[in-house]
């Protein structure tokens, strides 16, 4: 296995771990790996209702992992404009996660691939941490609101 594959697997394992953590006391997400053969996205994430059952709404995640010397380093990744447009064609909420791995520590930050994004992404800002309960609650609500809305195919996110 190449070094890049090892780093990528660490990032994907981190995402599965962090999304299974309770959000204000309850499990909110069911993470399903899409496998290496799925084009563009790594995970489909279903929202869980109050009975821990999949409630219908879901989102797609692409994970890009960057090995760094320090967790204060920038998260440099590559997600081209062509990939951004392909993500938007799915017409469901989708997000790009930049994961930093430094030794045994990982941090993940995400941005939306919403209707306003057109350019490629080459660095993920450290504004929206995957390990923040308020961010995860807002993410849950944003995806739920998208599916509850009568206006589909116009995904607009607060996580730009």
N, C-alpha and C. Protein backbone atom coordinates (compact mmCIF):
# COMPACT_ATOMS: atom_id res chain seq x y z
N UNK A 1 0.86 -1.18 0.00
CA UNK A 1 0.00 0.00 0.00
C UNK A 1 0.90 1.24 0.00
N UNK A 2 0.54 2.23 -0.82
CA UNK A 2 1.35 3.44 -0.91
C UNK A 2 1.11 4.33 0.31
N UNK A 3 2.03 5.25 0.52
CA UNK A 3 1.91 6.21 1.62
C UNK A 3 0.63 7.03 1.49
N UNK A 4 0.30 7.45 0.26
CA UNK A 4 -0.93 8.22 0.04
C UNK A 4 -2.17 7.43 0.43
N UNK A 5 -2.18 6.13 0.10
CA UNK A 5 -3.31 5.28 0.47
C UNK A 5 -3.43 5.16 1.99
N UNK A 6 -2.30 5.01 2.66
CA UNK A 6 -2.30 4.92 4.13
C UNK A 6 -2.86 6.20 4.75
N UNK A 7 -2.41 7.33 4.27
CA UNK A 7 -2.87 8.63 4.78
C UNK A 7 -4.37 8.77 4.52
N UNK A 8 -4.82 8.41 3.33
CA UNK A 8 -6.24 8.49 3.00
C UNK A 8 -7.10 7.62 3.90
N UNK A 9 -6.62 6.42 4.19
CA UNK A 9 -7.37 5.51 5.07
C UNK A 9 -7.49 6.08 6.48
N UNK A 10 -6.44 6.76 6.94
CA UNK A 10 -6.50 7.39 8.27
C UNK A 10 -7.60 8.46 8.28
N UNK A 11 -7.65 9.28 7.24
CA UNK A 11 -8.68 10.32 7.15
C UNK A 11 -10.08 9.75 7.11
N UNK A 12 -10.27 8.70 6.34
CA UNK A 12 -11.59 8.08 6.24
C UNK A 12 -12.00 7.44 7.56
N UNK A 13 -11.06 6.82 8.26
CA UNK A 13 -11.37 6.23 9.58
C UNK A 13 -11.74 7.33 10.58
N UNK A 14 -11.03 8.46 10.51
CA UNK A 14 -11.35 9.58 11.39
C UNK A 14 -12.78 10.06 11.17
N UNK A 15 -13.19 10.19 9.91
CA UNK A 15 -14.54 10.67 9.60
C UNK A 15 -15.58 9.70 10.13
N UNK A 16 -15.37 8.42 9.94
CA UNK A 16 -16.33 7.43 10.45
C UNK A 16 -16.42 7.52 11.97
N UNK A 17 -15.30 7.72 12.63
CA UNK A 17 -15.28 7.84 14.09
C UNK A 17 -16.01 9.11 14.55
N UNK A 18 -15.64 10.25 13.99
CA UNK A 18 -16.17 11.53 14.49
C UNK A 18 -17.66 11.67 14.22
N UNK A 19 -18.16 11.12 13.12
CA UNK A 19 -19.58 11.23 12.83
C UNK A 19 -20.44 10.25 13.64
N UNK A 20 -19.82 9.28 14.27
CA UNK A 20 -20.56 8.36 15.13
C UNK A 20 -20.67 8.86 16.56
N UNK A 21 -19.93 9.91 16.89
CA UNK A 21 -20.00 10.46 18.23
C UNK A 21 -21.37 11.12 18.46
N UNK A 22 -21.89 11.03 19.69
CA UNK A 22 -23.18 11.68 19.97
C UNK A 22 -23.11 13.19 19.77
N UNK A 23 -24.22 13.74 19.32
CA UNK A 23 -24.37 15.18 19.18
C UNK A 23 -25.43 15.60 20.19
N UNK A 24 -25.00 16.29 21.22
CA UNK A 24 -25.86 16.70 22.34
C UNK A 24 -26.67 15.52 22.87
N UNK A 25 -25.97 14.40 23.06
CA UNK A 25 -26.54 13.23 23.72
C UNK A 25 -27.13 12.16 22.83
N UNK A 26 -27.22 12.37 21.54
CA UNK A 26 -27.84 11.38 20.66
C UNK A 26 -27.01 11.15 19.40
N UNK A 27 -27.01 9.91 18.94
CA UNK A 27 -26.40 9.61 17.65
C UNK A 27 -27.26 10.28 16.57
N UNK A 28 -26.62 10.96 15.63
CA UNK A 28 -27.35 11.70 14.61
C UNK A 28 -27.04 11.25 13.19
N UNK A 29 -25.94 10.50 13.01
CA UNK A 29 -25.49 10.16 11.68
C UNK A 29 -25.17 8.67 11.55
N UNK A 30 -25.52 8.11 10.39
CA UNK A 30 -25.14 6.74 10.02
C UNK A 30 -24.26 6.87 8.79
N UNK A 31 -23.00 6.48 8.93
CA UNK A 31 -22.00 6.65 7.88
C UNK A 31 -21.87 5.35 7.07
N UNK A 32 -22.00 5.46 5.77
CA UNK A 32 -21.85 4.31 4.89
C UNK A 32 -20.72 4.58 3.89
N UNK A 33 -19.63 3.81 3.96
CA UNK A 33 -18.57 3.97 2.96
C UNK A 33 -19.08 3.55 1.59
N UNK A 34 -18.74 4.32 0.59
CA UNK A 34 -19.20 4.02 -0.77
C UNK A 34 -18.22 3.14 -1.53
N UNK A 35 -17.04 2.96 -1.00
CA UNK A 35 -16.07 2.07 -1.65
C UNK A 35 -15.24 2.78 -2.70
N UNK A 36 -14.14 2.15 -3.03
CA UNK A 36 -13.18 2.75 -3.96
C UNK A 36 -13.73 2.92 -5.37
N UNK A 37 -14.71 2.13 -5.73
CA UNK A 37 -15.23 2.19 -7.10
C UNK A 37 -16.27 3.28 -7.29
N UNK A 38 -16.78 3.86 -6.19
CA UNK A 38 -17.77 4.92 -6.33
C UNK A 38 -17.08 6.19 -6.78
N UNK A 39 -17.64 6.81 -7.77
CA UNK A 39 -17.02 7.99 -8.35
C UNK A 39 -17.29 9.23 -7.50
N UNK A 40 -16.25 9.94 -7.14
CA UNK A 40 -16.28 11.27 -6.55
C UNK A 40 -16.44 11.31 -5.04
N UNK A 41 -17.35 10.55 -4.46
CA UNK A 41 -17.60 10.64 -3.02
C UNK A 41 -17.13 9.40 -2.28
N UNK A 42 -16.77 9.60 -1.02
CA UNK A 42 -16.30 8.50 -0.17
C UNK A 42 -17.41 7.94 0.71
N UNK A 43 -18.36 8.80 1.14
CA UNK A 43 -19.38 8.37 2.09
C UNK A 43 -20.75 8.93 1.74
N UNK A 44 -21.76 8.14 2.05
CA UNK A 44 -23.13 8.62 2.13
C UNK A 44 -23.44 8.62 3.62
N UNK A 45 -23.99 9.73 4.11
CA UNK A 45 -24.28 9.85 5.54
C UNK A 45 -25.78 10.11 5.70
N UNK A 46 -26.47 9.17 6.32
CA UNK A 46 -27.90 9.30 6.59
C UNK A 46 -28.11 9.97 7.93
N UNK A 47 -29.16 10.79 8.01
CA UNK A 47 -29.55 11.36 9.29
C UNK A 47 -30.35 10.32 10.06
N UNK A 48 -30.16 10.31 11.37
CA UNK A 48 -30.90 9.41 12.24
C UNK A 48 -31.96 10.20 13.00
N UNK A 49 -33.14 9.59 13.17
CA UNK A 49 -34.19 10.26 13.93
C UNK A 49 -34.01 9.98 15.43
N UNK A 50 -34.99 10.38 16.23
CA UNK A 50 -34.90 10.22 17.68
C UNK A 50 -34.87 8.77 18.14
N UNK A 51 -35.24 7.84 17.25
CA UNK A 51 -35.21 6.41 17.58
C UNK A 51 -33.99 5.73 16.97
N UNK A 52 -33.02 6.54 16.53
CA UNK A 52 -31.78 6.06 15.89
C UNK A 52 -32.05 5.28 14.61
N UNK A 53 -33.14 5.61 13.93
CA UNK A 53 -33.45 5.02 12.63
C UNK A 53 -33.14 6.03 11.54
N UNK A 54 -32.73 5.51 10.37
CA UNK A 54 -32.46 6.42 9.26
C UNK A 54 -33.78 7.08 8.87
N UNK A 55 -33.75 8.41 8.82
CA UNK A 55 -34.98 9.16 8.62
C UNK A 55 -35.24 9.56 7.18
N UNK A 56 -34.34 9.29 6.27
CA UNK A 56 -34.53 9.64 4.86
C UNK A 56 -33.50 10.63 4.36
N UNK A 57 -33.38 11.82 4.99
CA UNK A 57 -32.38 12.78 4.52
C UNK A 57 -30.96 12.22 4.62
N UNK A 58 -30.13 12.62 3.67
CA UNK A 58 -28.75 12.17 3.65
C UNK A 58 -27.88 13.22 2.96
N UNK A 59 -26.58 13.06 3.09
CA UNK A 59 -25.64 13.90 2.36
C UNK A 59 -24.45 13.07 1.93
N UNK A 60 -23.68 13.63 1.01
CA UNK A 60 -22.50 12.97 0.48
C UNK A 60 -21.25 13.68 0.96
N UNK A 61 -20.20 12.90 1.21
CA UNK A 61 -18.93 13.46 1.69
C UNK A 61 -17.78 12.99 0.82
N UNK A 62 -16.92 13.91 0.48
CA UNK A 62 -15.62 13.59 -0.11
C UNK A 62 -14.57 13.97 0.93
N UNK A 63 -13.67 13.06 1.21
CA UNK A 63 -12.63 13.28 2.22
C UNK A 63 -11.28 13.37 1.54
N UNK A 64 -10.56 14.42 1.84
CA UNK A 64 -9.19 14.61 1.36
C UNK A 64 -8.30 14.74 2.60
N UNK A 65 -7.30 13.88 2.69
CA UNK A 65 -6.43 13.86 3.87
C UNK A 65 -5.05 14.36 3.51
N UNK A 66 -4.51 15.16 4.40
CA UNK A 66 -3.20 15.79 4.19
C UNK A 66 -2.35 15.52 5.42
N UNK A 67 -1.21 14.89 5.21
CA UNK A 67 -0.27 14.66 6.31
C UNK A 67 0.53 15.94 6.53
N UNK A 68 0.59 16.38 7.79
CA UNK A 68 1.24 17.65 8.12
C UNK A 68 2.26 17.47 9.23
N UNK A 69 3.18 18.41 9.31
CA UNK A 69 4.17 18.40 10.39
C UNK A 69 3.58 18.96 11.67
N UNK A 70 2.58 19.82 11.54
CA UNK A 70 1.92 20.45 12.68
C UNK A 70 0.45 20.67 12.34
N UNK A 71 -0.42 20.49 13.33
CA UNK A 71 -1.85 20.71 13.10
C UNK A 71 -2.18 22.18 12.86
N UNK A 72 -1.22 23.05 13.02
CA UNK A 72 -1.45 24.47 12.69
C UNK A 72 -1.20 24.75 11.21
N UNK A 73 -0.67 23.76 10.48
CA UNK A 73 -0.43 23.92 9.04
C UNK A 73 -1.76 24.07 8.29
N UNK A 74 -1.68 24.60 7.09
CA UNK A 74 -2.85 24.71 6.21
C UNK A 74 -3.25 23.32 5.74
N UNK A 75 -4.52 23.18 5.35
CA UNK A 75 -5.02 21.92 4.81
C UNK A 75 -5.05 22.05 3.29
N UNK A 76 -3.95 21.69 2.66
CA UNK A 76 -3.84 21.80 1.21
C UNK A 76 -4.34 20.51 0.58
N UNK A 77 -5.31 20.63 -0.30
CA UNK A 77 -5.91 19.48 -0.99
C UNK A 77 -6.15 19.89 -2.43
N UNK A 78 -6.67 18.96 -3.22
CA UNK A 78 -7.04 19.30 -4.58
C UNK A 78 -8.41 18.71 -4.89
N UNK A 79 -9.35 19.59 -5.18
CA UNK A 79 -10.68 19.21 -5.63
C UNK A 79 -11.02 20.19 -6.73
N UNK A 80 -10.90 19.75 -7.96
CA UNK A 80 -10.94 20.64 -9.12
C UNK A 80 -12.33 21.23 -9.37
N UNK A 81 -12.37 22.24 -10.21
CA UNK A 81 -13.65 22.84 -10.61
C UNK A 81 -14.54 21.82 -11.31
N UNK A 82 -13.95 20.92 -12.07
CA UNK A 82 -14.72 19.85 -12.73
C UNK A 82 -15.36 18.95 -11.66
N UNK A 83 -14.62 18.64 -10.61
CA UNK A 83 -15.16 17.81 -9.53
C UNK A 83 -16.25 18.55 -8.75
N UNK A 84 -16.05 19.85 -8.55
CA UNK A 84 -17.09 20.66 -7.88
C UNK A 84 -18.38 20.60 -8.68
N UNK A 85 -18.29 20.79 -9.98
CA UNK A 85 -19.49 20.76 -10.82
C UNK A 85 -20.14 19.36 -10.81
N UNK A 86 -19.33 18.32 -10.83
CA UNK A 86 -19.87 16.95 -10.78
C UNK A 86 -20.58 16.70 -9.45
N UNK A 87 -20.04 17.24 -8.36
CA UNK A 87 -20.68 17.10 -7.05
C UNK A 87 -22.03 17.79 -7.04
N UNK A 88 -22.09 18.97 -7.60
CA UNK A 88 -23.35 19.72 -7.64
C UNK A 88 -24.40 19.04 -8.50
N UNK A 89 -23.99 18.28 -9.50
CA UNK A 89 -24.93 17.56 -10.35
C UNK A 89 -25.69 16.48 -9.59
N UNK A 90 -25.19 16.06 -8.44
CA UNK A 90 -25.88 15.05 -7.63
C UNK A 90 -27.18 15.60 -7.04
N UNK A 91 -27.29 16.90 -6.94
CA UNK A 91 -28.49 17.60 -6.49
C UNK A 91 -28.93 17.22 -5.07
N UNK A 92 -27.99 16.86 -4.24
CA UNK A 92 -28.23 16.63 -2.81
C UNK A 92 -27.12 17.35 -2.05
N UNK A 93 -27.32 17.61 -0.77
CA UNK A 93 -26.25 18.25 -0.01
C UNK A 93 -24.96 17.43 -0.09
N UNK A 94 -23.88 18.11 -0.38
CA UNK A 94 -22.58 17.44 -0.41
C UNK A 94 -21.53 18.36 0.19
N UNK A 95 -20.54 17.72 0.77
CA UNK A 95 -19.52 18.45 1.52
C UNK A 95 -18.15 17.87 1.22
N UNK A 96 -17.16 18.73 1.32
CA UNK A 96 -15.76 18.35 1.18
C UNK A 96 -15.11 18.49 2.55
N UNK A 97 -14.44 17.43 2.98
CA UNK A 97 -13.77 17.44 4.29
C UNK A 97 -12.27 17.38 4.06
N UNK A 98 -11.57 18.29 4.69
CA UNK A 98 -10.11 18.25 4.71
C UNK A 98 -9.69 17.73 6.07
N UNK A 99 -8.96 16.63 6.06
CA UNK A 99 -8.47 16.04 7.30
C UNK A 99 -6.97 16.22 7.36
N UNK A 100 -6.50 16.67 8.50
CA UNK A 100 -5.07 16.75 8.75
C UNK A 100 -4.70 15.56 9.63
N UNK A 101 -3.60 14.93 9.31
CA UNK A 101 -3.08 13.89 10.19
C UNK A 101 -1.64 14.25 10.53
N UNK A 102 -1.37 14.22 11.82
CA UNK A 102 -0.04 14.56 12.34
C UNK A 102 0.29 13.54 13.42
N UNK A 103 1.13 12.58 13.07
CA UNK A 103 1.41 11.50 14.02
C UNK A 103 0.13 10.73 14.31
N UNK A 104 -0.25 10.70 15.59
CA UNK A 104 -1.46 9.98 15.99
C UNK A 104 -2.68 10.88 16.11
N UNK A 105 -2.54 12.15 15.74
CA UNK A 105 -3.63 13.10 15.89
C UNK A 105 -4.23 13.46 14.53
N UNK A 106 -5.55 13.63 14.52
CA UNK A 106 -6.25 14.07 13.32
C UNK A 106 -7.21 15.19 13.67
N UNK A 107 -7.41 16.07 12.70
CA UNK A 107 -8.42 17.11 12.78
C UNK A 107 -9.10 17.18 11.42
N UNK A 108 -10.40 17.43 11.43
CA UNK A 108 -11.13 17.54 10.18
C UNK A 108 -11.98 18.79 10.13
N UNK A 109 -12.03 19.41 8.97
CA UNK A 109 -12.81 20.62 8.75
C UNK A 109 -13.56 20.45 7.43
N UNK A 110 -14.74 21.04 7.33
CA UNK A 110 -15.54 20.81 6.14
C UNK A 110 -16.09 22.10 5.56
N UNK A 111 -16.40 22.01 4.27
CA UNK A 111 -17.08 23.08 3.55
C UNK A 111 -18.14 22.44 2.66
N UNK A 112 -19.15 23.22 2.34
CA UNK A 112 -20.21 22.74 1.46
C UNK A 112 -19.82 22.89 0.01
N UNK A 113 -20.33 21.98 -0.79
CA UNK A 113 -20.22 22.08 -2.25
C UNK A 113 -21.61 22.48 -2.74
N UNK A 114 -21.97 23.71 -2.41
CA UNK A 114 -23.34 24.17 -2.68
C UNK A 114 -23.44 24.94 -3.98
N UNK A 115 -24.61 25.48 -4.24
CA UNK A 115 -24.89 26.11 -5.54
C UNK A 115 -24.01 27.31 -5.83
N UNK A 116 -23.45 27.97 -4.81
CA UNK A 116 -22.62 29.15 -5.02
C UNK A 116 -21.16 28.82 -5.35
N UNK A 117 -20.74 27.60 -5.13
CA UNK A 117 -19.34 27.24 -5.35
C UNK A 117 -19.16 26.81 -6.80
N UNK A 118 -18.21 27.44 -7.47
CA UNK A 118 -17.93 27.10 -8.86
C UNK A 118 -16.46 26.76 -9.08
N UNK A 119 -15.58 27.37 -8.33
CA UNK A 119 -14.15 27.15 -8.50
C UNK A 119 -13.72 25.87 -7.79
N UNK A 120 -12.56 25.38 -8.17
CA UNK A 120 -11.98 24.25 -7.47
C UNK A 120 -11.58 24.67 -6.06
N UNK A 121 -11.32 23.67 -5.22
CA UNK A 121 -10.93 23.92 -3.84
C UNK A 121 -9.52 23.36 -3.66
N UNK A 122 -8.61 24.19 -3.17
CA UNK A 122 -7.23 23.77 -3.03
C UNK A 122 -6.72 23.93 -1.60
N UNK A 123 -7.58 24.44 -0.73
CA UNK A 123 -7.28 24.54 0.69
C UNK A 123 -8.61 24.61 1.42
N UNK A 124 -8.76 23.83 2.47
CA UNK A 124 -9.98 23.85 3.27
C UNK A 124 -9.75 24.75 4.48
N UNK A 125 -10.54 25.81 4.62
CA UNK A 125 -10.37 26.69 5.78
C UNK A 125 -10.74 25.97 7.07
N UNK A 126 -10.18 26.42 8.15
CA UNK A 126 -10.40 25.79 9.45
C UNK A 126 -11.53 26.46 10.22
N UNK A 127 -12.65 26.69 9.55
CA UNK A 127 -13.79 27.35 10.18
C UNK A 127 -14.79 26.36 10.77
N UNK A 128 -14.99 25.23 10.11
CA UNK A 128 -16.07 24.31 10.50
C UNK A 128 -15.49 22.96 10.88
N UNK A 129 -15.21 22.80 12.16
CA UNK A 129 -14.60 21.58 12.67
C UNK A 129 -15.60 20.43 12.69
N UNK A 130 -15.14 19.25 12.29
CA UNK A 130 -15.97 18.04 12.36
C UNK A 130 -16.15 17.57 13.80
N UNK A 131 -15.33 18.07 14.69
CA UNK A 131 -15.39 17.62 16.08
C UNK A 131 -16.14 18.60 16.97
N UNK A 132 -16.91 19.49 16.38
CA UNK A 132 -17.68 20.49 17.12
C UNK A 132 -19.15 20.08 17.17
N UNK A 133 -19.68 19.89 18.35
CA UNK A 133 -21.10 19.53 18.47
C UNK A 133 -22.02 20.58 17.85
N UNK A 134 -21.79 21.88 18.10
CA UNK A 134 -22.66 22.87 17.44
C UNK A 134 -22.60 22.78 15.91
N UNK A 135 -21.42 22.55 15.33
CA UNK A 135 -21.32 22.39 13.88
C UNK A 135 -22.08 21.16 13.40
N UNK A 136 -21.96 20.06 14.14
CA UNK A 136 -22.64 18.83 13.73
C UNK A 136 -24.16 18.97 13.86
N UNK A 137 -24.60 19.69 14.88
CA UNK A 137 -26.05 19.95 15.03
C UNK A 137 -26.54 20.81 13.85
N UNK A 138 -25.78 21.84 13.51
CA UNK A 138 -26.16 22.71 12.39
C UNK A 138 -26.13 21.95 11.07
N UNK A 139 -25.16 21.08 10.89
CA UNK A 139 -25.09 20.25 9.69
C UNK A 139 -26.34 19.36 9.60
N UNK A 140 -26.69 18.72 10.69
CA UNK A 140 -27.88 17.86 10.75
C UNK A 140 -29.13 18.66 10.37
N UNK A 141 -29.26 19.84 10.94
CA UNK A 141 -30.43 20.67 10.66
C UNK A 141 -30.44 21.15 9.21
N UNK A 142 -29.28 21.53 8.69
CA UNK A 142 -29.19 22.02 7.32
C UNK A 142 -29.64 20.94 6.33
N UNK A 143 -29.16 19.73 6.52
CA UNK A 143 -29.53 18.64 5.61
C UNK A 143 -31.01 18.30 5.76
N UNK A 144 -31.49 18.23 7.00
CA UNK A 144 -32.92 17.98 7.22
C UNK A 144 -33.79 19.04 6.59
N UNK A 145 -33.39 20.31 6.73
CA UNK A 145 -34.16 21.41 6.14
C UNK A 145 -34.17 21.33 4.61
N UNK A 146 -33.04 20.92 4.03
CA UNK A 146 -32.99 20.78 2.56
C UNK A 146 -34.05 19.79 2.09
N UNK A 147 -34.13 18.65 2.75
CA UNK A 147 -35.09 17.62 2.31
C UNK A 147 -36.53 17.98 2.67
N UNK A 148 -36.72 18.81 3.68
CA UNK A 148 -38.07 19.22 4.06
C UNK A 148 -38.59 20.35 3.17
N UNK A 149 -37.69 21.04 2.49
CA UNK A 149 -38.06 22.18 1.64
C UNK A 149 -38.77 21.71 0.38
N UNK A 150 -39.67 22.53 -0.08
CA UNK A 150 -40.35 22.23 -1.35
C UNK A 150 -39.50 22.65 -2.55
N UNK A 151 -38.42 23.41 -2.30
CA UNK A 151 -37.53 23.84 -3.37
C UNK A 151 -36.30 22.95 -3.36
N UNK A 152 -36.31 21.92 -4.19
CA UNK A 152 -35.18 21.00 -4.28
C UNK A 152 -34.19 21.48 -5.33
N UNK A 153 -33.03 20.88 -5.30
CA UNK A 153 -31.97 21.14 -6.28
C UNK A 153 -31.33 22.52 -6.13
N UNK A 154 -31.61 23.21 -5.06
CA UNK A 154 -31.02 24.52 -4.83
C UNK A 154 -30.30 24.52 -3.48
N UNK A 155 -29.39 23.56 -3.30
CA UNK A 155 -28.70 23.43 -2.02
C UNK A 155 -27.84 24.67 -1.76
N UNK A 156 -28.18 25.32 -0.67
CA UNK A 156 -27.43 26.50 -0.21
C UNK A 156 -27.02 26.23 1.23
N UNK A 157 -25.76 26.49 1.54
CA UNK A 157 -25.23 26.11 2.84
C UNK A 157 -24.66 27.27 3.62
N UNK A 158 -24.71 27.13 4.93
CA UNK A 158 -24.04 28.10 5.80
C UNK A 158 -22.56 27.76 5.96
N UNK A 159 -22.14 26.60 5.46
CA UNK A 159 -20.76 26.12 5.63
C UNK A 159 -19.93 26.38 4.39
N UNK A 160 -19.83 27.64 4.00
CA UNK A 160 -19.03 27.96 2.81
C UNK A 160 -17.60 28.25 3.19
